[in-house]
Amino acid sequence: MSLRVWVVAALPDRQEVIELELAEGATVADALREARVAENHPGLAQAAVGIWARRVERTQRLRDGDRVEVYRELQADAKAQRRERARRLRTSSPRSRSGP
């Protein structure tokens, strides 16, 4: 029996999706190797991985229909960016100025 899984790599400008058929008992590491993620995207060789948005170890065994996700490191913290945008809006808004 075999497993059908997808390996998804989050790249800066696009998402790469690779469909694989693997042997029963295959692991996340097997899927990454078969998809040639490290060869095609060296920056993702040691990246965090997950299955359906849940982080897992590379030794995790796969089930039929799993979506293996390769997460790249964030360039900026989204929460910090929102705070900075809000701070800039408050300081530039006419309402924030007091007095006539």
N, C-alpha and C. Protein backbone atom coordinates (compact mmCIF):
# COMPACT_ATOMS: atom_id res chain seq x y z
N MET A 1 0.84 -1.18 0.00
CA MET A 1 0.00 0.00 0.00
C MET A 1 0.88 1.24 0.00
N SER A 2 0.41 2.32 -0.60
CA SER A 2 1.21 3.55 -0.66
C SER A 2 0.41 4.73 -0.12
N LEU A 3 1.14 5.79 0.15
CA LEU A 3 0.56 7.03 0.68
C LEU A 3 0.66 8.11 -0.39
N ARG A 4 -0.36 8.92 -0.49
CA ARG A 4 -0.31 10.10 -1.35
C ARG A 4 -0.22 11.29 -0.42
N VAL A 5 0.86 12.07 -0.54
CA VAL A 5 1.05 13.25 0.30
C VAL A 5 1.48 14.42 -0.57
N TRP A 6 1.40 15.61 -0.01
CA TRP A 6 1.84 16.82 -0.68
C TRP A 6 2.89 17.49 0.19
N VAL A 7 3.95 17.97 -0.44
CA VAL A 7 4.97 18.76 0.24
C VAL A 7 4.81 20.19 -0.27
N VAL A 8 4.65 21.12 0.66
CA VAL A 8 4.42 22.52 0.31
C VAL A 8 5.53 23.37 0.91
N ALA A 9 6.22 24.11 0.07
CA ALA A 9 7.29 24.99 0.53
C ALA A 9 6.84 26.44 0.35
N ALA A 10 6.90 27.19 1.43
CA ALA A 10 6.53 28.61 1.40
C ALA A 10 7.74 29.42 0.98
N LEU A 11 7.72 29.89 -0.24
CA LEU A 11 8.81 30.70 -0.77
C LEU A 11 8.40 32.17 -0.72
N PRO A 12 9.37 33.08 -0.77
CA PRO A 12 9.03 34.51 -0.65
C PRO A 12 8.01 34.99 -1.69
N ASP A 13 8.09 34.47 -2.90
CA ASP A 13 7.24 34.98 -3.97
C ASP A 13 6.15 34.00 -4.43
N ARG A 14 6.17 32.78 -3.89
CA ARG A 14 5.18 31.80 -4.32
C ARG A 14 5.16 30.60 -3.37
N GLN A 15 4.22 29.74 -3.60
CA GLN A 15 4.12 28.50 -2.84
C GLN A 15 4.38 27.36 -3.82
N GLU A 16 5.29 26.48 -3.47
CA GLU A 16 5.60 25.34 -4.33
C GLU A 16 4.93 24.10 -3.74
N VAL A 17 4.15 23.40 -4.55
CA VAL A 17 3.42 22.21 -4.10
C VAL A 17 3.90 21.02 -4.93
N ILE A 18 4.34 19.97 -4.23
CA ILE A 18 4.84 18.77 -4.88
C ILE A 18 4.02 17.58 -4.38
N GLU A 19 3.38 16.88 -5.30
CA GLU A 19 2.60 15.70 -4.94
C GLU A 19 3.50 14.48 -5.03
N LEU A 20 3.43 13.63 -4.00
CA LEU A 20 4.28 12.44 -3.94
C LEU A 20 3.46 11.21 -3.63
N GLU A 21 3.98 10.07 -4.04
CA GLU A 21 3.45 8.78 -3.63
C GLU A 21 4.60 8.08 -2.92
N LEU A 22 4.39 7.76 -1.65
CA LEU A 22 5.43 7.17 -0.81
C LEU A 22 4.96 5.84 -0.25
N ALA A 23 5.91 5.04 0.19
CA ALA A 23 5.59 3.75 0.80
C ALA A 23 4.98 3.95 2.18
N GLU A 24 4.12 3.03 2.56
CA GLU A 24 3.54 3.02 3.90
C GLU A 24 4.67 3.08 4.92
N GLY A 25 4.51 3.88 5.98
CA GLY A 25 5.54 4.02 7.01
C GLY A 25 6.54 5.13 6.74
N ALA A 26 6.38 5.87 5.64
CA ALA A 26 7.29 6.97 5.31
C ALA A 26 7.16 8.09 6.34
N THR A 27 8.23 8.83 6.52
CA THR A 27 8.28 9.94 7.48
C THR A 27 8.31 11.27 6.75
N VAL A 28 8.21 12.33 7.53
CA VAL A 28 8.33 13.68 6.98
C VAL A 28 9.68 13.83 6.29
N ALA A 29 10.74 13.33 6.91
CA ALA A 29 12.09 13.42 6.32
C ALA A 29 12.12 12.71 4.96
N ASP A 30 11.46 11.56 4.85
CA ASP A 30 11.40 10.84 3.57
C ASP A 30 10.72 11.70 2.50
N ALA A 31 9.62 12.34 2.87
CA ALA A 31 8.89 13.19 1.93
C ALA A 31 9.75 14.37 1.48
N LEU A 32 10.45 15.00 2.42
CA LEU A 32 11.31 16.14 2.07
C LEU A 32 12.43 15.72 1.14
N ARG A 33 13.00 14.55 1.42
CA ARG A 33 14.09 14.03 0.58
C ARG A 33 13.56 13.72 -0.82
N GLU A 34 12.42 13.06 -0.89
CA GLU A 34 11.83 12.70 -2.18
C GLU A 34 11.44 13.94 -2.99
N ALA A 35 10.98 14.98 -2.31
CA ALA A 35 10.59 16.23 -2.97
C ALA A 35 11.80 17.09 -3.32
N ARG A 36 12.97 16.69 -2.83
CA ARG A 36 14.25 17.39 -3.09
C ARG A 36 14.21 18.85 -2.61
N VAL A 37 13.60 19.06 -1.47
CA VAL A 37 13.47 20.42 -0.92
C VAL A 37 14.84 21.03 -0.66
N ALA A 38 15.74 20.32 0.01
CA ALA A 38 17.06 20.86 0.34
C ALA A 38 17.88 21.15 -0.91
N GLU A 39 17.75 20.31 -1.92
CA GLU A 39 18.50 20.51 -3.16
C GLU A 39 17.98 21.72 -3.94
N ASN A 40 16.68 21.84 -4.02
CA ASN A 40 16.07 22.93 -4.80
C ASN A 40 16.00 24.26 -4.06
N HIS A 41 15.98 24.19 -2.73
CA HIS A 41 15.87 25.39 -1.90
C HIS A 41 16.78 25.24 -0.68
N PRO A 42 18.10 25.44 -0.84
CA PRO A 42 19.04 25.21 0.26
C PRO A 42 18.70 25.99 1.53
N GLY A 43 18.08 27.13 1.41
CA GLY A 43 17.71 27.93 2.58
C GLY A 43 16.65 27.26 3.44
N LEU A 44 15.97 26.27 2.90
CA LEU A 44 14.91 25.58 3.64
C LEU A 44 15.37 24.22 4.19
N ALA A 45 16.65 23.89 4.01
CA ALA A 45 17.15 22.58 4.41
C ALA A 45 16.92 22.29 5.90
N GLN A 46 17.04 23.27 6.75
CA GLN A 46 16.87 23.08 8.20
C GLN A 46 15.62 23.78 8.73
N ALA A 47 14.73 24.16 7.82
CA ALA A 47 13.53 24.89 8.21
C ALA A 47 12.59 24.03 9.06
N ALA A 48 11.76 24.71 9.84
CA ALA A 48 10.73 24.02 10.61
C ALA A 48 9.73 23.40 9.64
N VAL A 49 9.12 22.30 10.08
CA VAL A 49 8.14 21.60 9.24
C VAL A 49 6.88 21.31 10.04
N GLY A 50 5.81 21.07 9.32
CA GLY A 50 4.55 20.74 9.97
C GLY A 50 3.69 19.91 9.06
N ILE A 51 2.62 19.38 9.64
CA ILE A 51 1.60 18.67 8.88
C ILE A 51 0.29 19.37 9.18
N TRP A 52 -0.33 19.89 8.12
CA TRP A 52 -1.59 20.62 8.26
C TRP A 52 -1.51 21.69 9.36
N ALA A 53 -0.49 22.55 9.28
CA ALA A 53 -0.31 23.71 10.16
C ALA A 53 0.03 23.35 11.61
N ARG A 54 0.41 22.11 11.88
CA ARG A 54 0.83 21.71 13.22
C ARG A 54 2.30 21.27 13.13
N ARG A 55 3.17 21.96 13.85
CA ARG A 55 4.59 21.64 13.79
C ARG A 55 4.84 20.22 14.25
N VAL A 56 5.71 19.52 13.53
CA VAL A 56 6.07 18.15 13.86
C VAL A 56 7.57 17.96 13.67
N GLU A 57 8.07 16.86 14.18
CA GLU A 57 9.47 16.47 13.96
C GLU A 57 9.57 15.79 12.60
N ARG A 58 10.76 15.76 12.07
CA ARG A 58 10.96 15.12 10.77
C ARG A 58 10.83 13.60 10.85
N THR A 59 10.83 13.06 12.04
CA THR A 59 10.66 11.62 12.23
C THR A 59 9.19 11.20 12.26
N GLN A 60 8.29 12.17 12.22
CA GLN A 60 6.85 11.89 12.25
C GLN A 60 6.44 11.05 11.05
N ARG A 61 5.73 9.96 11.31
CA ARG A 61 5.23 9.11 10.22
C ARG A 61 4.04 9.79 9.55
N LEU A 62 3.95 9.58 8.26
CA LEU A 62 2.91 10.21 7.46
C LEU A 62 1.69 9.30 7.30
N ARG A 63 0.55 9.95 7.07
CA ARG A 63 -0.68 9.24 6.75
C ARG A 63 -1.13 9.69 5.36
N ASP A 64 -1.91 8.86 4.73
CA ASP A 64 -2.43 9.19 3.42
C ASP A 64 -3.17 10.53 3.46
N GLY A 65 -2.87 11.40 2.52
CA GLY A 65 -3.54 12.70 2.44
C GLY A 65 -2.87 13.81 3.22
N ASP A 66 -1.75 13.52 3.90
CA ASP A 66 -1.07 14.56 4.68
C ASP A 66 -0.50 15.65 3.78
N ARG A 67 -0.47 16.85 4.33
CA ARG A 67 0.14 18.00 3.66
C ARG A 67 1.33 18.39 4.52
N VAL A 68 2.54 18.11 4.03
CA VAL A 68 3.78 18.43 4.73
C VAL A 68 4.16 19.85 4.36
N GLU A 69 4.28 20.72 5.35
CA GLU A 69 4.56 22.13 5.10
C GLU A 69 5.96 22.48 5.59
N VAL A 70 6.69 23.20 4.76
CA VAL A 70 8.04 23.65 5.09
C VAL A 70 7.94 25.15 5.34
N TYR A 71 8.28 25.55 6.56
CA TYR A 71 8.11 26.95 6.96
C TYR A 71 9.43 27.70 6.88
N ARG A 72 9.44 28.78 6.14
CA ARG A 72 10.65 29.61 6.11
C ARG A 72 10.60 30.59 7.28
N GLU A 73 11.74 31.08 7.67
CA GLU A 73 11.81 32.03 8.77
C GLU A 73 11.18 33.35 8.37
N LEU A 74 10.44 33.94 9.30
CA LEU A 74 9.82 35.24 9.02
C LEU A 74 10.88 36.33 8.98
N GLN A 75 10.72 37.25 8.06
CA GLN A 75 11.65 38.37 7.95
C GLN A 75 11.33 39.45 8.96
N ALA A 76 10.06 39.53 9.36
CA ALA A 76 9.64 40.54 10.33
C ALA A 76 8.48 39.97 11.13
N ASP A 77 8.37 40.38 12.36
CA ASP A 77 7.30 39.95 13.22
C ASP A 77 6.03 40.73 12.89
N ALA A 78 4.97 40.03 12.50
CA ALA A 78 3.73 40.68 12.08
C ALA A 78 3.13 41.53 13.20
N LYS A 79 3.20 41.05 14.42
CA LYS A 79 2.64 41.80 15.54
C LYS A 79 3.41 43.12 15.74
N ALA A 80 4.71 43.05 15.65
CA ALA A 80 5.53 44.26 15.80
C ALA A 80 5.25 45.24 14.67
N GLN A 81 5.04 44.74 13.47
CA GLN A 81 4.73 45.62 12.34
C GLN A 81 3.40 46.33 12.54
N ARG A 82 2.39 45.61 13.02
CA ARG A 82 1.08 46.24 13.28
C ARG A 82 1.20 47.32 14.34
N ARG A 83 1.96 47.06 15.39
CA ARG A 83 2.15 48.07 16.44
C ARG A 83 2.81 49.32 15.88
N GLU A 84 3.82 49.12 15.06
CA GLU A 84 4.54 50.26 14.46
C GLU A 84 3.62 51.06 13.55
N ARG A 85 2.81 50.39 12.73
CA ARG A 85 1.86 51.09 11.87
C ARG A 85 0.87 51.89 12.70
N ALA A 86 0.36 51.30 13.77
CA ALA A 86 -0.60 52.00 14.64
C ALA A 86 0.06 53.21 15.29
N ARG A 87 1.30 53.06 15.73
CA ARG A 87 2.02 54.17 16.36
C ARG A 87 2.19 55.31 15.35
N ARG A 88 2.56 54.99 14.13
CA ARG A 88 2.76 56.03 13.09
C ARG A 88 1.44 56.73 12.78
N LEU A 89 0.35 55.96 12.72
CA LEU A 89 -0.95 56.57 12.44
C LEU A 89 -1.37 57.51 13.57
N ARG A 90 -1.13 57.11 14.81
CA ARG A 90 -1.49 57.97 15.95
C ARG A 90 -0.70 59.26 15.94
N THR A 91 0.56 59.21 15.62
CA THR A 91 1.39 60.42 15.65
C THR A 91 1.15 61.32 14.45
N SER A 92 0.65 60.78 13.34
CA SER A 92 0.41 61.62 12.16
C SER A 92 -1.04 62.05 12.02
N SER A 93 -1.93 61.51 12.82
CA SER A 93 -3.35 61.83 12.74
C SER A 93 -3.63 63.22 13.30
N PRO A 94 -4.45 64.01 12.62
CA PRO A 94 -4.80 65.34 13.14
C PRO A 94 -5.52 65.26 14.48
N ARG A 95 -6.24 64.20 14.74
CA ARG A 95 -6.95 64.05 16.00
C ARG A 95 -6.00 63.90 17.18
N SER A 96 -4.81 63.42 16.93
CA SER A 96 -3.89 63.20 18.04
C SER A 96 -3.22 64.49 18.51
N ARG A 97 -3.35 65.51 17.72
CA ARG A 97 -2.73 66.79 18.11
C ARG A 97 -3.68 67.56 19.02
N SER A 98 -3.15 68.18 20.03
CA SER A 98 -4.01 68.94 20.95
C SER A 98 -3.79 70.43 20.74
N GLY A 99 -4.80 71.17 21.14
CA GLY A 99 -4.69 72.63 21.07
C GLY A 99 -5.16 73.19 19.76
N PRO A 100 -5.36 74.52 19.71
CA PRO A 100 -5.86 75.17 18.50
C PRO A 100 -4.82 75.34 17.44
